[in-house]
C-alpha atoms as a PDB file:
ATOM      1  CA  MET A   1     109.570  29.231  20.020  1.00  0.00           C
ATOM      2  CA  ALA A   2     110.556  25.711  18.978  1.00  0.00           C
ATOM      3  CA  LYS A   3     107.952  23.407  17.476  1.00  0.00           C
ATOM      4  CA  MET A   4     106.919  20.417  19.596  1.00  0.00           C
ATOM      5  CA  THR A   5     108.190  17.246  17.984  1.00  0.00           C
ATOM      6  CA  LEU A   6     107.412  13.656  18.827  1.00  0.00           C
ATOM      7  CA  GLY A   7     110.921  13.196  20.183  1.00  0.00           C
ATOM      8  CA  LYS A   8     110.689  16.224  22.445  1.00  0.00           C
ATOM      9  CA  ARG A   9     107.293  15.095  23.759  1.00  0.00           C
ATOM     10  CA  LEU A  10     108.641  11.603  24.507  1.00  0.00           C
ATOM     11  CA  TRP A  11     111.769  12.986  26.191  1.00  0.00           C
ATOM     12  CA  GLU A  12     109.818  15.396  28.393  1.00  0.00           C
ATOM     13  CA  ALA A  13     107.256  12.748  29.364  1.00  0.00           C
ATOM     14  CA  ARG A  14     109.980  10.219  30.191  1.00  0.00           C
ATOM     15  CA  LEU A  15     111.737  12.673  32.473  1.00  0.00           C
ATOM     16  CA  ARG A  16     108.447  13.683  34.123  1.00  0.00           C
ATOM     17  CA  LYS A  17     107.701  10.025  34.902  1.00  0.00           C
ATOM     18  CA  GLY A  18     111.220   9.483  36.268  1.00  0.00           C
ATOM     19  CA  PHE A  19     112.321   6.848  33.748  1.00  0.00           C
ATOM     20  CA  SER A  20     115.911   6.610  32.588  1.00  0.00           C
ATOM     21  CA  ARG A  21     116.330   5.655  28.940  1.00  0.00           C
ATOM     22  CA  GLN A  22     117.414   2.184  30.014  1.00  0.00           C
ATOM     23  CA  SER A  23     114.535   1.659  32.443  1.00  0.00           C
ATOM     24  CA  LEU A  24     111.967   2.711  29.819  1.00  0.00           C
ATOM     25  CA  ALA A  25     113.667   0.493  27.254  1.00  0.00           C
ATOM     26  CA  ASP A  26     113.524  -2.451  29.659  1.00  0.00           C
ATOM     27  CA  HIS A  27     109.854  -1.749  30.365  1.00  0.00           C
ATOM     28  CA  LEU A  28     109.074  -1.712  26.621  1.00  0.00           C
ATOM     29  CA  THR A  29     111.495  -4.545  25.747  1.00  0.00           C
ATOM     30  CA  VAL A  30     113.384  -2.415  23.240  1.00  0.00           C
ATOM     31  CA  SER A  31     116.951  -1.121  23.284  1.00  0.00           C
ATOM     32  CA  ALA A  32     118.017   2.097  24.977  1.00  0.00           C
ATOM     33  CA  ALA A  33     119.387   3.081  21.563  1.00  0.00           C
ATOM     34  CA  SER A  34     115.842   2.903  20.174  1.00  0.00           C
ATOM     35  CA  ILE A  35     114.637   5.281  22.890  1.00  0.00           C
ATOM     36  CA  TYR A  36     117.493   7.639  22.024  1.00  0.00           C
ATOM     37  CA  LEU A  37     116.658   7.546  18.305  1.00  0.00           C
ATOM     38  CA  TRP A  38     112.974   8.237  18.992  1.00  0.00           C
ATOM     39  CA  GLU A  39     113.717  11.100  21.398  1.00  0.00           C
ATOM     40  CA  THR A  40     116.092  12.769  18.967  1.00  0.00           C
ATOM     41  CA  ASP A  41     113.638  12.421  16.047  1.00  0.00           C
ATOM     42  CA  ARG A  42     116.057  10.236  14.088  1.00  0.00           C
ATOM     43  CA  SER A  43     113.497   7.441  13.981  1.00  0.00           C
ATOM     44  CA  VAL A  44     109.774   6.966  14.653  1.00  0.00           C
ATOM     45  CA  PRO A  45     108.494   4.070  16.748  1.00  0.00           C
ATOM     46  CA  ARG A  46     106.208   1.529  15.123  1.00  0.00           C
ATOM     47  CA  ASP A  47     102.531   1.732  16.081  1.00  0.00           C
ATOM     48  CA  GLY A  48     102.768  -1.040  18.682  1.00  0.00           C
ATOM     49  CA  ASN A  49     105.761   0.567  20.363  1.00  0.00           C
ATOM     50  CA  LEU A  50     104.177   4.009  20.188  1.00  0.00           C
ATOM     51  CA  SER A  51     101.048   2.721  21.908  1.00  0.00           C
ATOM     52  CA  ALA A  52     103.159   1.055  24.609  1.00  0.00           C
ATOM     53  CA  ILE A  53     105.156   4.264  25.126  1.00  0.00           C
ATOM     54  CA  CYS A  54     101.962   6.297  25.470  1.00  0.00           C
ATOM     55  CA  LYS A  55     100.627   3.866  28.046  1.00  0.00           C
ATOM     56  CA  ALA A  56     103.895   3.807  30.037  1.00  0.00           C
ATOM     57  CA  LEU A  57     104.289   7.593  29.985  1.00  0.00           C
ATOM     58  CA  GLY A  58     100.633   8.560  30.317  1.00  0.00           C
ATOM     59  CA  LEU A  59     100.470  10.316  26.951  1.00  0.00           C
ATOM     60  CA  PRO A  60      97.297  10.647  24.861  1.00  0.00           C
ATOM     61  CA  ILE A  61      97.601   8.112  22.060  1.00  0.00           C
ATOM     62  CA  ARG A  62      95.689  10.024  19.357  1.00  0.00           C
ATOM     63  CA  ALA A  63      97.607  13.305  19.820  1.00  0.00           C
ATOM     64  CA  THR A  64     100.929  11.505  20.046  1.00  0.00           C
ATOM     65  CA  LYS A  65     100.237   9.513  16.874  1.00  0.00           C
ATOM     66  CA  ALA A  66      99.360  12.780  15.124  1.00  0.00           C
ATOM     67  CA  LEU A  67     102.806  14.117  16.058  1.00  0.00           C
ATOM     68  CA  ALA A  68     104.407  10.932  14.741  1.00  0.00           C
ATOM     69  CA  ALA A  69     102.645  11.389  11.403  1.00  0.00           C
ATOM     70  CA  ALA A  70     103.709  15.048  11.076  1.00  0.00           C
END
């Protein structure tokens, strides 16, 4: 079974909430490319962006930050 990564958690939560990459990017005032990089684990969002993502997607901040640090 594949390990849960930050990117996978963000991707699944975004789809569950019905956001497209562009609509989430617009909501967070970042680029859709940033969302793509975060979801594919090529980059990690800064703390402020990570907190905003958690709020928008209804994710627990502490657990999500722990994944980001892993």
